[in-house]
């Protein structure tokens, strides 16, 4: 599902992330994956989606 960027969809995405979900978001040049970096289940989901092995690091970005 693709949603427009607005306050309502950001709140919905935050709830999904808080529940252990992974979201995709558009940036200027590509799409990124977003999740709670402190939720081991969410990090496993990102690794599976990307086909990333456990030993390879994942880039984290703090939007605060």
PDB file of N, CA and C in Angstrom:
ATOM      1  N   UNK A   1       0.845  -1.155   0.000  1.00  0.00           N
ATOM      2  CA  UNK A   1       0.000   0.000   0.000  1.00  0.00           C
ATOM      3  C   UNK A   1       0.905   1.236   0.000  1.00  0.00           C
ATOM      4  N   UNK A   2       0.632   2.189  -0.826  1.00  0.00           N
ATOM      5  CA  UNK A   2       1.381   3.441  -0.886  1.00  0.00           C
ATOM      6  C   UNK A   2       0.484   4.550  -0.347  1.00  0.00           C
ATOM      7  N   UNK A   3       0.994   5.268   0.642  1.00  0.00           N
ATOM      8  CA  UNK A   3       0.227   6.331   1.279  1.00  0.00           C
ATOM      9  C   UNK A   3       0.910   7.668   1.068  1.00  0.00           C
ATOM     10  N   UNK A   4       0.122   8.726   0.983  1.00  0.00           N
ATOM     11  CA  UNK A   4       0.673  10.079   0.875  1.00  0.00           C
ATOM     12  C   UNK A   4       1.329  10.463   2.197  1.00  0.00           C
ATOM     13  N   UNK A   5       2.357  11.291   2.118  1.00  0.00           N
ATOM     14  CA  UNK A   5       3.065  11.750   3.312  1.00  0.00           C
ATOM     15  C   UNK A   5       2.275  12.875   3.958  1.00  0.00           C
ATOM     16  N   UNK A   6       1.703  12.577   5.104  1.00  0.00           N
ATOM     17  CA  UNK A   6       1.006  13.595   5.886  1.00  0.00           C
ATOM     18  C   UNK A   6       1.013  13.154   7.352  1.00  0.00           C
ATOM     19  N   UNK A   7       0.494  13.988   8.231  1.00  0.00           N
ATOM     20  CA  UNK A   7       0.525  13.700   9.667  1.00  0.00           C
ATOM     21  C   UNK A   7      -0.187  12.388  10.000  1.00  0.00           C
ATOM     22  N   UNK A   8      -1.308  12.132   9.346  1.00  0.00           N
ATOM     23  CA  UNK A   8      -2.074  10.917   9.622  1.00  0.00           C
ATOM     24  C   UNK A   8      -1.299   9.654   9.240  1.00  0.00           C
ATOM     25  N   UNK A   9      -0.681   9.653   8.069  1.00  0.00           N
ATOM     26  CA  UNK A   9       0.046   8.456   7.652  1.00  0.00           C
ATOM     27  C   UNK A   9       1.339   8.283   8.454  1.00  0.00           C
ATOM     28  N   UNK A  10       1.944   9.382   8.893  1.00  0.00           N
ATOM     29  CA  UNK A  10       3.136   9.261   9.757  1.00  0.00           C
ATOM     30  C   UNK A  10       2.758   8.648  11.097  1.00  0.00           C
ATOM     31  N   UNK A  11       1.610   9.035  11.624  1.00  0.00           N
ATOM     32  CA  UNK A  11       1.130   8.441  12.877  1.00  0.00           C
ATOM     33  C   UNK A  11       0.843   6.960  12.681  1.00  0.00           C
ATOM     34  N   UNK A  12       0.231   6.609  11.555  1.00  0.00           N
ATOM     35  CA  UNK A  12      -0.052   5.206  11.243  1.00  0.00           C
ATOM     36  C   UNK A  12       1.249   4.413  11.109  1.00  0.00           C
ATOM     37  N   UNK A  13       2.238   4.977  10.427  1.00  0.00           N
ATOM     38  CA  UNK A  13       3.529   4.308  10.257  1.00  0.00           C
ATOM     39  C   UNK A  13       4.220   4.124  11.605  1.00  0.00           C
ATOM     40  N   UNK A  14       4.158   5.128  12.467  1.00  0.00           N
ATOM     41  CA  UNK A  14       4.770   5.027  13.791  1.00  0.00           C
ATOM     42  C   UNK A  14       4.140   3.897  14.603  1.00  0.00           C
ATOM     43  N   UNK A  15       2.834   3.753  14.507  1.00  0.00           N
ATOM     44  CA  UNK A  15       2.151   2.658  15.196  1.00  0.00           C
ATOM     45  C   UNK A  15       2.567   1.299  14.655  1.00  0.00           C
ATOM     46  N   UNK A  16       2.711   1.212  13.348  1.00  0.00           N
ATOM     47  CA  UNK A  16       3.125  -0.034  12.711  1.00  0.00           C
ATOM     48  C   UNK A  16       4.545  -0.396  13.150  1.00  0.00           C
ATOM     49  N   UNK A  17       5.429   0.595  13.181  1.00  0.00           N
ATOM     50  CA  UNK A  17       6.808   0.362  13.621  1.00  0.00           C
ATOM     51  C   UNK A  17       6.827  -0.054  15.094  1.00  0.00           C
ATOM     52  N   UNK A  18       6.033   0.612  15.930  1.00  0.00           N
ATOM     53  CA  UNK A  18       5.983   0.290  17.353  1.00  0.00           C
ATOM     54  C   UNK A  18       5.514  -1.142  17.591  1.00  0.00           C
ATOM     55  N   UNK A  19       4.724  -1.673  16.662  1.00  0.00           N
ATOM     56  CA  UNK A  19       4.230  -3.046  16.772  1.00  0.00           C
ATOM     57  C   UNK A  19       5.198  -4.063  16.163  1.00  0.00           C
ATOM     58  N   UNK A  20       6.410  -3.616  15.782  1.00  0.00           N
ATOM     59  CA  UNK A  20       7.406  -4.536  15.235  1.00  0.00           C
ATOM     60  C   UNK A  20       7.409  -4.619  13.726  1.00  0.00           C
ATOM     61  N   UNK A  21       6.661  -3.741  13.067  1.00  0.00           N
ATOM     62  CA  UNK A  21       6.582  -3.760  11.610  1.00  0.00           C
ATOM     63  C   UNK A  21       7.745  -3.045  10.936  1.00  0.00           C
ATOM     64  N   UNK A  22       7.835  -3.234   9.644  1.00  0.00           N
ATOM     65  CA  UNK A  22       8.843  -2.584   8.802  1.00  0.00           C
ATOM     66  C   UNK A  22       8.099  -1.786   7.738  1.00  0.00           C
ATOM     67  N   UNK A  23       8.523  -0.552   7.517  1.00  0.00           N
ATOM     68  CA  UNK A  23       7.913   0.273   6.470  1.00  0.00           C
ATOM     69  C   UNK A  23       8.955   0.596   5.404  1.00  0.00           C
ATOM     70  N   UNK A  24       8.485   0.939   4.228  1.00  0.00           N
ATOM     71  CA  UNK A  24       9.348   1.456   3.161  1.00  0.00           C
ATOM     72  C   UNK A  24       8.985   2.923   2.981  1.00  0.00           C
ATOM     73  N   UNK A  25      10.007   3.744   2.776  1.00  0.00           N
ATOM     74  CA  UNK A  25       9.755   5.171   2.588  1.00  0.00           C
ATOM     75  C   UNK A  25      10.648   5.703   1.478  1.00  0.00           C
ATOM     76  N   UNK A  26      10.135   6.697   0.785  1.00  0.00           N
ATOM     77  CA  UNK A  26      10.864   7.286  -0.334  1.00  0.00           C
ATOM     78  C   UNK A  26      11.823   8.357   0.178  1.00  0.00           C
ATOM     79  N   UNK A  27      13.010   8.396  -0.407  1.00  0.00           N
ATOM     80  CA  UNK A  27      13.970   9.459  -0.136  1.00  0.00           C
ATOM     81  C   UNK A  27      14.208  10.186  -1.457  1.00  0.00           C
ATOM     82  N   UNK A  28      15.157  11.095  -1.483  1.00  0.00           N
ATOM     83  CA  UNK A  28      15.449  11.826  -2.721  1.00  0.00           C
ATOM     84  C   UNK A  28      15.956  10.914  -3.835  1.00  0.00           C
ATOM     85  N   UNK A  29      16.670   9.861  -3.479  1.00  0.00           N
ATOM     86  CA  UNK A  29      17.328   9.044  -4.505  1.00  0.00           C
ATOM     87  C   UNK A  29      16.914   7.583  -4.538  1.00  0.00           C
ATOM     88  N   UNK A  30      16.294   7.075  -3.478  1.00  0.00           N
ATOM     89  CA  UNK A  30      15.928   5.663  -3.438  1.00  0.00           C
ATOM     90  C   UNK A  30      14.876   5.451  -2.356  1.00  0.00           C
ATOM     91  N   UNK A  31      14.536   4.211  -2.078  1.00  0.00           N
ATOM     92  CA  UNK A  31      13.617   3.886  -0.995  1.00  0.00           C
ATOM     93  C   UNK A  31      14.408   3.320   0.165  1.00  0.00           C
ATOM     94  N   UNK A  32      13.969   3.599   1.377  1.00  0.00           N
ATOM     95  CA  UNK A  32      14.600   3.066   2.570  1.00  0.00           C
ATOM     96  C   UNK A  32      13.627   2.187   3.321  1.00  0.00           C
ATOM     97  N   UNK A  33      14.147   1.404   4.235  1.00  0.00           N
ATOM     98  CA  UNK A  33      13.326   0.581   5.109  1.00  0.00           C
ATOM     99  C   UNK A  33      13.409   1.163   6.505  1.00  0.00           C
ATOM    100  N   UNK A  34      12.275   1.266   7.172  1.00  0.00           N
ATOM    101  CA  UNK A  34      12.238   1.824   8.511  1.00  0.00           C
ATOM    102  C   UNK A  34      11.685   0.827   9.502  1.00  0.00           C
ATOM    103  N   UNK A  35      12.299   0.794  10.687  1.00  0.00           N
ATOM    104  CA  UNK A  35      11.861  -0.091  11.763  1.00  0.00           C
ATOM    105  C   UNK A  35      12.451   0.419  13.066  1.00  0.00           C
ATOM    106  N   UNK A  36      12.003  -0.137  14.164  1.00  0.00           N
ATOM    107  CA  UNK A  36      12.562   0.185  15.474  1.00  0.00           C
ATOM    108  C   UNK A  36      13.909  -0.515  15.593  1.00  0.00           C
ATOM    109  N   UNK A  37      15.023   0.232  15.679  1.00  0.00           N
ATOM    110  CA  UNK A  37      16.335  -0.406  15.724  1.00  0.00           C
ATOM    111  C   UNK A  37      16.590  -1.187  17.008  1.00  0.00           C
ATOM    112  N   UNK A  38      15.737  -1.016  18.018  1.00  0.00           N
ATOM    113  CA  UNK A  38      15.888  -1.738  19.275  1.00  0.00           C
ATOM    114  C   UNK A  38      14.984  -2.968  19.349  1.00  0.00           C
ATOM    115  N   UNK A  39      14.270  -3.255  18.273  1.00  0.00           N
ATOM    116  CA  UNK A  39      13.381  -4.426  18.198  1.00  0.00           C
ATOM    117  C   UNK A  39      14.066  -5.499  17.357  1.00  0.00           C
ATOM    118  N   UNK A  40      14.551  -6.544  18.008  1.00  0.00           N
ATOM    119  CA  UNK A  40      15.297  -7.599  17.309  1.00  0.00           C
ATOM    120  C   UNK A  40      14.462  -8.256  16.210  1.00  0.00           C
ATOM    121  N   UNK A  41      13.150  -8.398  16.427  1.00  0.00           N
ATOM    122  CA  UNK A  41      12.287  -9.000  15.391  1.00  0.00           C
ATOM    123  C   UNK A  41      12.263  -8.140  14.141  1.00  0.00           C
ATOM    124  N   UNK A  42      12.167  -6.830  14.328  1.00  0.00           N
ATOM    125  CA  UNK A  42      12.116  -5.916  13.184  1.00  0.00           C
ATOM    126  C   UNK A  42      13.436  -5.934  12.416  1.00  0.00           C
ATOM    127  N   UNK A  43      14.550  -5.999  13.135  1.00  0.00           N
ATOM    128  CA  UNK A  43      15.853  -6.053  12.473  1.00  0.00           C
ATOM    129  C   UNK A  43      15.988  -7.352  11.688  1.00  0.00           C
ATOM    130  N   UNK A  44      15.495  -8.454  12.239  1.00  0.00           N
ATOM    131  CA  UNK A  44      15.507  -9.732  11.489  1.00  0.00           C
ATOM    132  C   UNK A  44      14.676  -9.611  10.208  1.00  0.00           C
ATOM    133  N   UNK A  45      13.533  -8.932  10.293  1.00  0.00           N
ATOM    134  CA  UNK A  45      12.686  -8.745   9.104  1.00  0.00           C
ATOM    135  C   UNK A  45      13.438  -7.954   8.036  1.00  0.00           C
ATOM    136  N   UNK A  46      14.146  -6.894   8.446  1.00  0.00           N
ATOM    137  CA  UNK A  46      14.912  -6.112   7.474  1.00  0.00           C
ATOM    138  C   UNK A  46      16.003  -6.969   6.847  1.00  0.00           C
ATOM    139  N   UNK A  47      16.704  -7.739   7.667  1.00  0.00           N
ATOM    140  CA  UNK A  47      17.758  -8.619   7.126  1.00  0.00           C
ATOM    141  C   UNK A  47      17.177  -9.604   6.110  1.00  0.00           C
ATOM    142  N   UNK A  48      16.015 -10.166   6.408  1.00  0.00           N
ATOM    143  CA  UNK A  48      15.372 -11.101   5.468  1.00  0.00           C
ATOM    144  C   UNK A  48      14.964 -10.385   4.179  1.00  0.00           C
ATOM    145  N   UNK A  49      14.359  -9.206   4.304  1.00  0.00           N
ATOM    146  CA  UNK A  49      13.927  -8.454   3.125  1.00  0.00           C
ATOM    147  C   UNK A  49      15.103  -8.094   2.219  1.00  0.00           C
ATOM    148  N   UNK A  50      16.221  -7.741   2.836  1.00  0.00           N
ATOM    149  CA  UNK A  50      17.392  -7.321   2.069  1.00  0.00           C
ATOM    150  C   UNK A  50      18.291  -8.487   1.673  1.00  0.00           C
ATOM    151  N   UNK A  51      18.044  -9.674   2.238  1.00  0.00           N
ATOM    152  CA  UNK A  51      18.921 -10.807   1.990  1.00  0.00           C
ATOM    153  C   UNK A  51      20.290 -10.573   2.624  1.00  0.00           C
ATOM    154  N   UNK A  52      20.307  -9.846   3.724  1.00  0.00           N
ATOM    155  CA  UNK A  52      21.551  -9.455   4.398  1.00  0.00           C
ATOM    156  C   UNK A  52      21.903 -10.498   5.443  1.00  0.00           C
ATOM    157  N   UNK A  53      23.140 -10.974   5.387  1.00  0.00           N
ATOM    158  CA  UNK A  53      23.584 -11.959   6.376  1.00  0.00           C
ATOM    159  C   UNK A  53      23.809 -11.286   7.732  1.00  0.00           C
ATOM    160  N   UNK A  54      23.782 -12.079   8.774  1.00  0.00           N
ATOM    161  CA  UNK A  54      23.851 -11.587  10.148  1.00  0.00           C
ATOM    162  C   UNK A  54      25.115 -10.785  10.444  1.00  0.00           C
ATOM    163  N   UNK A  55      26.224 -11.148   9.853  1.00  0.00           N
ATOM    164  CA  UNK A  55      27.501 -10.494  10.152  1.00  0.00           C
ATOM    165  C   UNK A  55      27.638  -9.106   9.521  1.00  0.00           C
ATOM    166  N   UNK A  56      26.834  -8.795   8.496  1.00  0.00           N
ATOM    167  CA  UNK A  56      26.931  -7.491   7.829  1.00  0.00           C
ATOM    168  C   UNK A  56      26.116  -6.448   8.598  1.00  0.00           C
ATOM    169  N   UNK A  57      26.682  -5.271   8.793  1.00  0.00           N
ATOM    170  CA  UNK A  57      25.962  -4.232   9.542  1.00  0.00           C
ATOM    171  C   UNK A  57      24.806  -3.627   8.746  1.00  0.00           C
ATOM    172  N   UNK A  58      23.909  -3.006   9.475  1.00  0.00           N
ATOM    173  CA  UNK A  58      22.785  -2.284   8.880  1.00  0.00           C
ATOM    174  C   UNK A  58      22.941  -0.816   9.265  1.00  0.00           C
ATOM    175  N   UNK A  59      22.811   0.071   8.305  1.00  0.00           N
ATOM    176  CA  UNK A  59      22.912   1.504   8.543  1.00  0.00           C
ATOM    177  C   UNK A  59      21.689   1.979   9.324  1.00  0.00           C
ATOM    178  N   UNK A  60      21.935   2.746  10.358  1.00  0.00           N
ATOM    179  CA  UNK A  60      20.848   3.333  11.153  1.00  0.00           C
ATOM    180  C   UNK A  60      20.892   4.839  11.012  1.00  0.00           C
ATOM    181  N   UNK A  61      19.719   5.437  10.910  1.00  0.00           N
ATOM    182  CA  UNK A  61      19.605   6.887  10.811  1.00  0.00           C
ATOM    183  C   UNK A  61      18.612   7.354  11.857  1.00  0.00           C
ATOM    184  N   UNK A  62      18.966   8.320  12.638  1.00  0.00           N
ATOM    185  CA  UNK A  62      18.107   8.856  13.682  1.00  0.00           C
ATOM    186  C   UNK A  62      17.402  10.097  13.141  1.00  0.00           C
ATOM    187  N   UNK A  63      16.079  10.026  12.989  1.00  0.00           N
ATOM    188  CA  UNK A  63      15.292  11.140  12.436  1.00  0.00           C
ATOM    189  C   UNK A  63      14.920  12.179  13.475  1.00  0.00           C
ATOM    190  N   UNK A  64      15.277  11.948  14.748  1.00  0.00           N
ATOM    191  CA  UNK A  64      14.852  12.901  15.791  1.00  0.00           C
ATOM    192  C   UNK A  64      15.450  14.255  15.584  1.00  0.00           C
TER     193      UNK A  64
END
